[in-house]
Amino acid sequence: MFSQLKLQARAALMPAANSIRLMIAAVFLAVFPVYLLLLLLSVYYPAFYPLRIIYAAFISFFALPVTELALQAKLILTAKGVKSKVRIRFKYALKSCAVRLIVRLLKIRDFILFESVPIIMLVLFLFYVSSKPVSYKAAAAYLTGTAFIALVGIAFCIVSSEKYLRSMFCLAAYENISAIEAVRFSKAMVEKNRGKLLSLKLSFFPWFVLCLGVLPLLFVIPYYKQSITCYFLDNG
């Protein structure tokens, strides 16, 4: 179904594959070893704990959004066959941070919305058992139902959060829009293409299964991201 799109993505990716892999690898090599080191140090030396929190906040709210924006801009240029370098100005970088913050707040809102019912059910149950005894069978049945509703809520939360995931693509594709507009454009694009986008993502499932022990992840991620980028450039 997406064979032509994937061929297009592979053809576009070939000249720039190494540079994109280096961008992705640099994030892992620069971020996670340092964080792991600070984590170990904070376990044995509590004085390092504030430094670990500050570093995690910097990575999460600045370094990763800017890197994601740069990578997405590179993928768009690659899809268009443009070989120019990606330059992220400070104001543009701040927009990516704002996008990441807005998306996180929306995800938290959705989580609270979809999980409000099981949370209320659990609170009511705890309040009830604190004053009256409940049989194990009744408690197990009630908690099982609550857990099932919670799992359904998580599934809806994941589906709902999907509509925000193209926000950085919108910001990279349209540099002059605001962070809020990027999130709105992402929502409109995903809702318009939800079924086909899901099918495209599922078509990469065998590739990611191969990553468990056969293919390095760095060879699959660029191919996957380039295909998603080509899809939205053709269907945006």
C-alpha atoms as a PDB file:
ATOM      1  CA  MET A   1       0.000   0.000   0.000  1.00  0.00           C
ATOM      2  CA  PHE A   2       2.845   2.386   0.862  1.00  0.00           C
ATOM      3  CA  SER A   3       5.532   0.843  -1.336  1.00  0.00           C
ATOM      4  CA  GLN A   4       5.800   3.931  -3.570  1.00  0.00           C
ATOM      5  CA  LEU A   5       6.023   6.221  -0.542  1.00  0.00           C
ATOM      6  CA  LYS A   6       8.741   4.086   1.061  1.00  0.00           C
ATOM      7  CA  LEU A   7      10.724   4.002  -2.181  1.00  0.00           C
ATOM      8  CA  GLN A   8      10.462   7.784  -2.291  1.00  0.00           C
ATOM      9  CA  ALA A   9      11.650   7.997   1.323  1.00  0.00           C
ATOM     10  CA  ARG A  10      14.591   5.645   0.724  1.00  0.00           C
ATOM     11  CA  ALA A  11      15.654   7.517  -2.416  1.00  0.00           C
ATOM     12  CA  ALA A  12      15.516  10.850  -0.591  1.00  0.00           C
ATOM     13  CA  LEU A  13      17.275   9.486   2.494  1.00  0.00           C
ATOM     14  CA  MET A  14      20.246   7.835   0.797  1.00  0.00           C
ATOM     15  CA  PRO A  15      22.435  10.963   0.336  1.00  0.00           C
ATOM     16  CA  ALA A  16      21.760  12.221   3.869  1.00  0.00           C
ATOM     17  CA  ALA A  17      21.359   8.973   5.826  1.00  0.00           C
ATOM     18  CA  ASN A  18      24.740   9.159   7.579  1.00  0.00           C
ATOM     19  CA  SER A  19      24.293  12.747   8.749  1.00  0.00           C
ATOM     20  CA  ILE A  20      20.799  11.969  10.103  1.00  0.00           C
ATOM     21  CA  ARG A  21      22.100   8.888  11.931  1.00  0.00           C
ATOM     22  CA  LEU A  22      24.863  11.016  13.444  1.00  0.00           C
ATOM     23  CA  MET A  23      22.281  13.543  14.694  1.00  0.00           C
ATOM     24  CA  ILE A  24      20.267  10.781  16.366  1.00  0.00           C
ATOM     25  CA  ALA A  25      23.336   9.010  17.778  1.00  0.00           C
ATOM     26  CA  ALA A  26      24.738  12.278  19.137  1.00  0.00           C
ATOM     27  CA  VAL A  27      21.615  12.760  21.245  1.00  0.00           C
ATOM     28  CA  PHE A  28      21.918   9.314  22.826  1.00  0.00           C
ATOM     29  CA  LEU A  29      25.675   9.631  23.378  1.00  0.00           C
ATOM     30  CA  ALA A  30      25.504  13.158  24.791  1.00  0.00           C
ATOM     31  CA  VAL A  31      22.354  12.874  26.896  1.00  0.00           C
ATOM     32  CA  PHE A  32      21.913   9.440  28.422  1.00  0.00           C
ATOM     33  CA  PRO A  33      25.468   8.576  29.595  1.00  0.00           C
ATOM     34  CA  VAL A  34      25.706  11.916  31.425  1.00  0.00           C
ATOM     35  CA  TYR A  35      22.281  11.455  32.980  1.00  0.00           C
ATOM     36  CA  LEU A  36      23.166   7.889  34.029  1.00  0.00           C
ATOM     37  CA  LEU A  37      26.375   9.162  35.606  1.00  0.00           C
ATOM     38  CA  LEU A  38      24.499  11.855  37.531  1.00  0.00           C
ATOM     39  CA  LEU A  39      21.901   9.280  38.591  1.00  0.00           C
ATOM     40  CA  LEU A  40      24.593   6.999  40.034  1.00  0.00           C
ATOM     41  CA  LEU A  41      26.350   9.915  41.719  1.00  0.00           C
ATOM     42  CA  SER A  42      23.108  11.169  43.272  1.00  0.00           C
ATOM     43  CA  VAL A  43      22.486   7.707  44.754  1.00  0.00           C
ATOM     44  CA  TYR A  44      25.800   7.719  46.628  1.00  0.00           C
ATOM     45  CA  TYR A  45      26.197  11.478  46.992  1.00  0.00           C
ATOM     46  CA  PRO A  46      22.830  13.245  47.594  1.00  0.00           C
ATOM     47  CA  ALA A  47      24.461  16.621  46.871  1.00  0.00           C
ATOM     48  CA  PHE A  48      24.340  15.708  43.150  1.00  0.00           C
ATOM     49  CA  TYR A  49      20.548  15.265  43.199  1.00  0.00           C
ATOM     50  CA  PRO A  50      19.689  18.939  42.403  1.00  0.00           C
ATOM     51  CA  LEU A  51      22.233  18.873  39.560  1.00  0.00           C
ATOM     52  CA  ARG A  52      20.563  15.763  38.116  1.00  0.00           C
ATOM     53  CA  ILE A  53      17.137  17.432  38.264  1.00  0.00           C
ATOM     54  CA  ILE A  54      18.458  20.598  36.590  1.00  0.00           C
ATOM     55  CA  TYR A  55      20.184  18.556  33.881  1.00  0.00           C
ATOM     56  CA  ALA A  56      17.048  16.462  33.255  1.00  0.00           C
ATOM     57  CA  ALA A  57      14.914  19.617  32.999  1.00  0.00           C
ATOM     58  CA  PHE A  58      17.403  21.228  30.579  1.00  0.00           C
ATOM     59  CA  ILE A  59      17.492  18.133  28.377  1.00  0.00           C
ATOM     60  CA  SER A  60      13.721  17.624  28.434  1.00  0.00           C
ATOM     61  CA  PHE A  61      12.596  21.220  27.904  1.00  0.00           C
ATOM     62  CA  PHE A  62      15.405  22.643  25.733  1.00  0.00           C
ATOM     63  CA  ALA A  63      17.983  20.248  24.281  1.00  0.00           C
ATOM     64  CA  LEU A  64      15.605  17.542  23.042  1.00  0.00           C
ATOM     65  CA  PRO A  65      12.990  19.895  21.503  1.00  0.00           C
ATOM     66  CA  VAL A  66      15.679  21.848  19.620  1.00  0.00           C
ATOM     67  CA  THR A  67      17.299  18.609  18.431  1.00  0.00           C
ATOM     68  CA  GLU A  68      13.914  17.243  17.352  1.00  0.00           C
ATOM     69  CA  LEU A  69      13.216  20.448  15.411  1.00  0.00           C
ATOM     70  CA  ALA A  70      16.632  20.318  13.717  1.00  0.00           C
ATOM     71  CA  LEU A  71      16.136  16.655  12.803  1.00  0.00           C
ATOM     72  CA  GLN A  72      12.653  17.291  11.429  1.00  0.00           C
ATOM     73  CA  ALA A  73      13.880  20.271   9.400  1.00  0.00           C
ATOM     74  CA  LYS A  74      16.669  18.078   7.999  1.00  0.00           C
ATOM     75  CA  LEU A  75      14.173  15.354   7.054  1.00  0.00           C
ATOM     76  CA  ILE A  76      11.977  17.897   5.242  1.00  0.00           C
ATOM     77  CA  LEU A  77      14.946  19.294   3.312  1.00  0.00           C
ATOM     78  CA  THR A  78      16.040  15.758   2.472  1.00  0.00           C
ATOM     79  CA  ALA A  79      12.562  14.865   1.203  1.00  0.00           C
ATOM     80  CA  LYS A  80      12.644  17.937  -1.048  1.00  0.00           C
ATOM     81  CA  GLY A  81      16.139  17.128  -2.299  1.00  0.00           C
ATOM     82  CA  VAL A  82      17.664  20.274  -0.772  1.00  0.00           C
ATOM     83  CA  LYS A  83      21.234  19.877   0.484  1.00  0.00           C
ATOM     84  CA  SER A  84      21.522  23.086   2.525  1.00  0.00           C
ATOM     85  CA  LYS A  85      22.462  22.889   6.208  1.00  0.00           C
ATOM     86  CA  VAL A  86      19.885  23.282   8.959  1.00  0.00           C
ATOM     87  CA  ARG A  87      20.225  26.472  10.986  1.00  0.00           C
ATOM     88  CA  ILE A  88      18.110  26.934  14.097  1.00  0.00           C
ATOM     89  CA  ARG A  89      17.998  30.514  15.354  1.00  0.00           C
ATOM     90  CA  PHE A  90      17.483  31.155  19.070  1.00  0.00           C
ATOM     91  CA  LYS A  91      13.935  32.485  18.651  1.00  0.00           C
ATOM     92  CA  TYR A  92      13.089  29.475  16.485  1.00  0.00           C
ATOM     93  CA  ALA A  93      14.588  27.167  19.122  1.00  0.00           C
ATOM     94  CA  LEU A  94      12.409  28.768  21.793  1.00  0.00           C
ATOM     95  CA  LYS A  95       9.335  27.979  19.668  1.00  0.00           C
ATOM     96  CA  SER A  96      10.295  24.303  19.696  1.00  0.00           C
ATOM     97  CA  CYS A  97      10.553  24.429  23.505  1.00  0.00           C
ATOM     98  CA  ALA A  98       7.112  26.060  23.663  1.00  0.00           C
ATOM     99  CA  VAL A  99       5.689  23.348  21.398  1.00  0.00           C
ATOM    100  CA  ARG A 100       7.106  20.617  23.637  1.00  0.00           C
ATOM    101  CA  LEU A 101       5.673  22.309  26.752  1.00  0.00           C
ATOM    102  CA  ILE A 102       2.217  22.793  25.192  1.00  0.00           C
ATOM    103  CA  VAL A 103       2.115  19.168  24.023  1.00  0.00           C
ATOM    104  CA  ARG A 104       3.070  17.929  27.476  1.00  0.00           C
ATOM    105  CA  LEU A 105       0.383  20.018  29.137  1.00  0.00           C
ATOM    106  CA  LEU A 106      -2.198  18.723  26.645  1.00  0.00           C
ATOM    107  CA  LYS A 107      -1.129  15.141  27.328  1.00  0.00           C
ATOM    108  CA  ILE A 108      -1.472  15.722  31.077  1.00  0.00           C
ATOM    109  CA  ARG A 109      -4.919  17.217  30.498  1.00  0.00           C
ATOM    110  CA  ASP A 110      -5.973  14.210  28.409  1.00  0.00           C
ATOM    111  CA  PHE A 111      -4.608  11.788  31.017  1.00  0.00           C
ATOM    112  CA  ILE A 112      -6.581  13.489  33.783  1.00  0.00           C
ATOM    113  CA  LEU A 113      -9.678  13.516  31.583  1.00  0.00           C
ATOM    114  CA  PHE A 114      -9.532   9.837  30.572  1.00  0.00           C
ATOM    115  CA  GLU A 115      -8.365   8.544  33.951  1.00  0.00           C
ATOM    116  CA  SER A 116     -10.723  10.622  36.108  1.00  0.00           C
ATOM    117  CA  VAL A 117     -13.362   7.863  36.320  1.00  0.00           C
ATOM    118  CA  PRO A 118     -11.058   5.045  37.582  1.00  0.00           C
ATOM    119  CA  ILE A 119      -9.335   7.469  39.979  1.00  0.00           C
ATOM    120  CA  ILE A 120     -12.705   8.496  41.445  1.00  0.00           C
ATOM    121  CA  MET A 121     -13.725   4.826  41.640  1.00  0.00           C
ATOM    122  CA  LEU A 122     -10.530   3.946  43.510  1.00  0.00           C
ATOM    123  CA  VAL A 123     -10.894   6.861  45.940  1.00  0.00           C
ATOM    124  CA  LEU A 124     -14.514   5.908  46.655  1.00  0.00           C
ATOM    125  CA  PHE A 125     -13.470   2.290  47.216  1.00  0.00           C
ATOM    126  CA  LEU A 126     -10.713   3.254  49.661  1.00  0.00           C
ATOM    127  CA  PHE A 127     -13.090   5.577  51.473  1.00  0.00           C
ATOM    128  CA  TYR A 128     -15.707   2.831  51.707  1.00  0.00           C
ATOM    129  CA  VAL A 129     -13.373   0.066  52.954  1.00  0.00           C
ATOM    130  CA  SER A 130     -11.943   2.407  55.581  1.00  0.00           C
ATOM    131  CA  SER A 131     -15.291   2.385  57.366  1.00  0.00           C
ATOM    132  CA  LYS A 132     -16.859  -0.960  56.388  1.00  0.00           C
ATOM    133  CA  PRO A 133     -15.401  -4.438  55.771  1.00  0.00           C
ATOM    134  CA  VAL A 134     -15.565  -5.787  52.218  1.00  0.00           C
ATOM    135  CA  SER A 135     -15.185  -9.391  51.118  1.00  0.00           C
ATOM    136  CA  TYR A 136     -12.104 -10.321  49.110  1.00  0.00           C
ATOM    137  CA  LYS A 137     -14.249 -11.465  46.200  1.00  0.00           C
ATOM    138  CA  ALA A 138     -16.179  -8.196  46.035  1.00  0.00           C
ATOM    139  CA  ALA A 139     -12.994  -6.156  46.399  1.00  0.00           C
ATOM    140  CA  ALA A 140     -11.250  -8.154  43.667  1.00  0.00           C
ATOM    141  CA  ALA A 141     -14.215  -7.765  41.303  1.00  0.00           C
ATOM    142  CA  TYR A 142     -14.435  -4.012  41.930  1.00  0.00           C
ATOM    143  CA  LEU A 143     -10.687  -3.429  41.551  1.00  0.00           C
ATOM    144  CA  THR A 144     -10.569  -5.571  38.411  1.00  0.00           C
ATOM    145  CA  GLY A 145     -13.296  -3.451  36.854  1.00  0.00           C
ATOM    146  CA  THR A 146     -11.499  -0.289  37.913  1.00  0.00           C
ATOM    147  CA  ALA A 147      -8.234  -1.561  36.391  1.00  0.00           C
ATOM    148  CA  PHE A 148     -10.025  -2.425  33.131  1.00  0.00           C
ATOM    149  CA  ILE A 149     -11.538   1.070  32.904  1.00  0.00           C
ATOM    150  CA  ALA A 150      -8.085   2.534  33.640  1.00  0.00           C
ATOM    151  CA  LEU A 151      -6.533   0.498  30.798  1.00  0.00           C
ATOM    152  CA  VAL A 152      -9.264   1.648  28.415  1.00  0.00           C
ATOM    153  CA  GLY A 153      -8.556   5.226  29.488  1.00  0.00           C
ATOM    154  CA  ILE A 154      -4.835   4.773  28.818  1.00  0.00           C
ATOM    155  CA  ALA A 155      -5.618   3.416  25.340  1.00  0.00           C
ATOM    156  CA  PHE A 156      -7.795   6.447  24.587  1.00  0.00           C
ATOM    157  CA  CYS A 157      -5.082   8.701  26.006  1.00  0.00           C
ATOM    158  CA  ILE A 158      -2.479   7.203  23.644  1.00  0.00           C
ATOM    159  CA  VAL A 159      -4.801   7.606  20.657  1.00  0.00           C
ATOM    160  CA  SER A 160      -5.602  11.173  21.679  1.00  0.00           C
ATOM    161  CA  SER A 161      -1.930  12.127  22.143  1.00  0.00           C
ATOM    162  CA  GLU A 162      -1.186  10.991  18.584  1.00  0.00           C
ATOM    163  CA  LYS A 163      -2.749  14.140  17.183  1.00  0.00           C
ATOM    164  CA  TYR A 164      -0.091  16.301  18.841  1.00  0.00           C
ATOM    165  CA  LEU A 165       2.928  14.295  17.638  1.00  0.00           C
ATOM    166  CA  ARG A 166       3.234  16.109  14.300  1.00  0.00           C
ATOM    167  CA  SER A 167       3.527  19.520  15.982  1.00  0.00           C
ATOM    168  CA  MET A 168       7.288  19.679  15.460  1.00  0.00           C
ATOM    169  CA  PHE A 169       6.827  18.729  11.806  1.00  0.00           C
ATOM    170  CA  CYS A 170       4.433  21.666  11.384  1.00  0.00           C
ATOM    171  CA  LEU A 171       6.876  24.033  13.087  1.00  0.00           C
ATOM    172  CA  ALA A 172       9.740  22.787  10.893  1.00  0.00           C
ATOM    173  CA  ALA A 173       7.640  23.031   7.732  1.00  0.00           C
ATOM    174  CA  TYR A 174       6.231  26.491   8.522  1.00  0.00           C
ATOM    175  CA  GLU A 175       8.877  28.427  10.436  1.00  0.00           C
ATOM    176  CA  ASN A 176       6.830  31.600  10.892  1.00  0.00           C
ATOM    177  CA  ILE A 177       3.855  30.036  12.681  1.00  0.00           C
ATOM    178  CA  SER A 178       3.503  30.183  16.468  1.00  0.00           C
ATOM    179  CA  ALA A 179       3.838  27.212  18.805  1.00  0.00           C
ATOM    180  CA  ILE A 180       0.066  27.095  19.385  1.00  0.00           C
ATOM    181  CA  GLU A 181      -0.593  27.169  15.630  1.00  0.00           C
ATOM    182  CA  ALA A 182       1.861  24.287  15.144  1.00  0.00           C
ATOM    183  CA  VAL A 183      -0.096  22.185  17.629  1.00  0.00           C
ATOM    184  CA  ARG A 184      -3.402  23.119  15.963  1.00  0.00           C
ATOM    185  CA  PHE A 185      -2.055  22.276  12.500  1.00  0.00           C
ATOM    186  CA  SER A 186      -0.791  18.938  13.832  1.00  0.00           C
ATOM    187  CA  LYS A 187      -4.230  18.107  15.235  1.00  0.00           C
ATOM    188  CA  ALA A 188      -5.924  18.944  11.926  1.00  0.00           C
ATOM    189  CA  MET A 189      -3.389  16.962   9.865  1.00  0.00           C
ATOM    190  CA  VAL A 190      -3.566  13.834  12.012  1.00  0.00           C
ATOM    191  CA  GLU A 191      -7.378  13.826  12.254  1.00  0.00           C
ATOM    192  CA  LYS A 192      -7.513  14.139   8.462  1.00  0.00           C
ATOM    193  CA  ASN A 193      -5.118  11.204   7.918  1.00  0.00           C
ATOM    194  CA  ARG A 194      -5.587   9.107  11.067  1.00  0.00           C
ATOM    195  CA  GLY A 195      -6.452   5.795   9.372  1.00  0.00           C
ATOM    196  CA  LYS A 196      -3.739   5.904   6.715  1.00  0.00           C
ATOM    197  CA  LEU A 197      -1.170   7.137   9.218  1.00  0.00           C
ATOM    198  CA  LEU A 198      -1.917   4.190  11.504  1.00  0.00           C
ATOM    199  CA  SER A 199      -1.553   1.791   8.572  1.00  0.00           C
ATOM    200  CA  LEU A 200       1.781   3.364   7.628  1.00  0.00           C
ATOM    201  CA  LYS A 201       3.083   3.041  11.185  1.00  0.00           C
ATOM    202  CA  LEU A 202       1.938  -0.570  11.454  1.00  0.00           C
ATOM    203  CA  SER A 203       3.768  -1.371   8.211  1.00  0.00           C
ATOM    204  CA  PHE A 204       7.029  -0.591  10.058  1.00  0.00           C
ATOM    205  CA  PHE A 205       6.284  -3.052  12.858  1.00  0.00           C
ATOM    206  CA  PRO A 206       8.349  -5.886  11.267  1.00  0.00           C
ATOM    207  CA  TRP A 207      11.301  -3.499  10.920  1.00  0.00           C
ATOM    208  CA  PHE A 208      11.204  -2.605  14.612  1.00  0.00           C
ATOM    209  CA  VAL A 209      10.880  -6.293  15.514  1.00  0.00           C
ATOM    210  CA  LEU A 210      14.104  -6.901  13.570  1.00  0.00           C
ATOM    211  CA  CYS A 211      15.751  -4.211  15.723  1.00  0.00           C
ATOM    212  CA  LEU A 212      15.472  -6.545  18.720  1.00  0.00           C
ATOM    213  CA  GLY A 213      18.514  -8.476  17.587  1.00  0.00           C
ATOM    214  CA  VAL A 214      19.199  -8.186  13.873  1.00  0.00           C
ATOM    215  CA  LEU A 215      19.194  -4.578  12.655  1.00  0.00           C
ATOM    216  CA  PRO A 216      20.622  -1.580  14.535  1.00  0.00           C
ATOM    217  CA  LEU A 217      17.886   0.873  15.512  1.00  0.00           C
ATOM    218  CA  LEU A 218      19.849   3.722  13.899  1.00  0.00           C
ATOM    219  CA  PHE A 219      19.168   2.200  10.477  1.00  0.00           C
ATOM    220  CA  VAL A 220      15.398   1.947  10.996  1.00  0.00           C
ATOM    221  CA  ILE A 221      14.576   5.231  12.779  1.00  0.00           C
ATOM    222  CA  PRO A 222      15.739   7.509   9.908  1.00  0.00           C
ATOM    223  CA  TYR A 223      13.844   5.360   7.375  1.00  0.00           C
ATOM    224  CA  TYR A 224      10.701   5.473   9.537  1.00  0.00           C
ATOM    225  CA  LYS A 225      10.891   9.219  10.183  1.00  0.00           C
ATOM    226  CA  GLN A 226      11.674  10.004   6.546  1.00  0.00           C
ATOM    227  CA  SER A 227       8.648   7.978   5.414  1.00  0.00           C
ATOM    228  CA  ILE A 228       6.358   9.796   7.859  1.00  0.00           C
ATOM    229  CA  THR A 229       7.791  13.129   6.664  1.00  0.00           C
ATOM    230  CA  CYS A 230       7.276  12.246   2.989  1.00  0.00           C
ATOM    231  CA  TYR A 231       3.716  11.152   3.759  1.00  0.00           C
ATOM    232  CA  PHE A 232       2.779  14.485   5.357  1.00  0.00           C
ATOM    233  CA  LEU A 233       4.539  16.505   2.668  1.00  0.00           C
ATOM    234  CA  ASP A 234       2.431  14.685   0.088  1.00  0.00           C
ATOM    235  CA  ASN A 235      -0.793  14.751   2.136  1.00  0.00           C
ATOM    236  CA  GLY A 236      -0.480  17.859   4.320  1.00  0.00           C
END
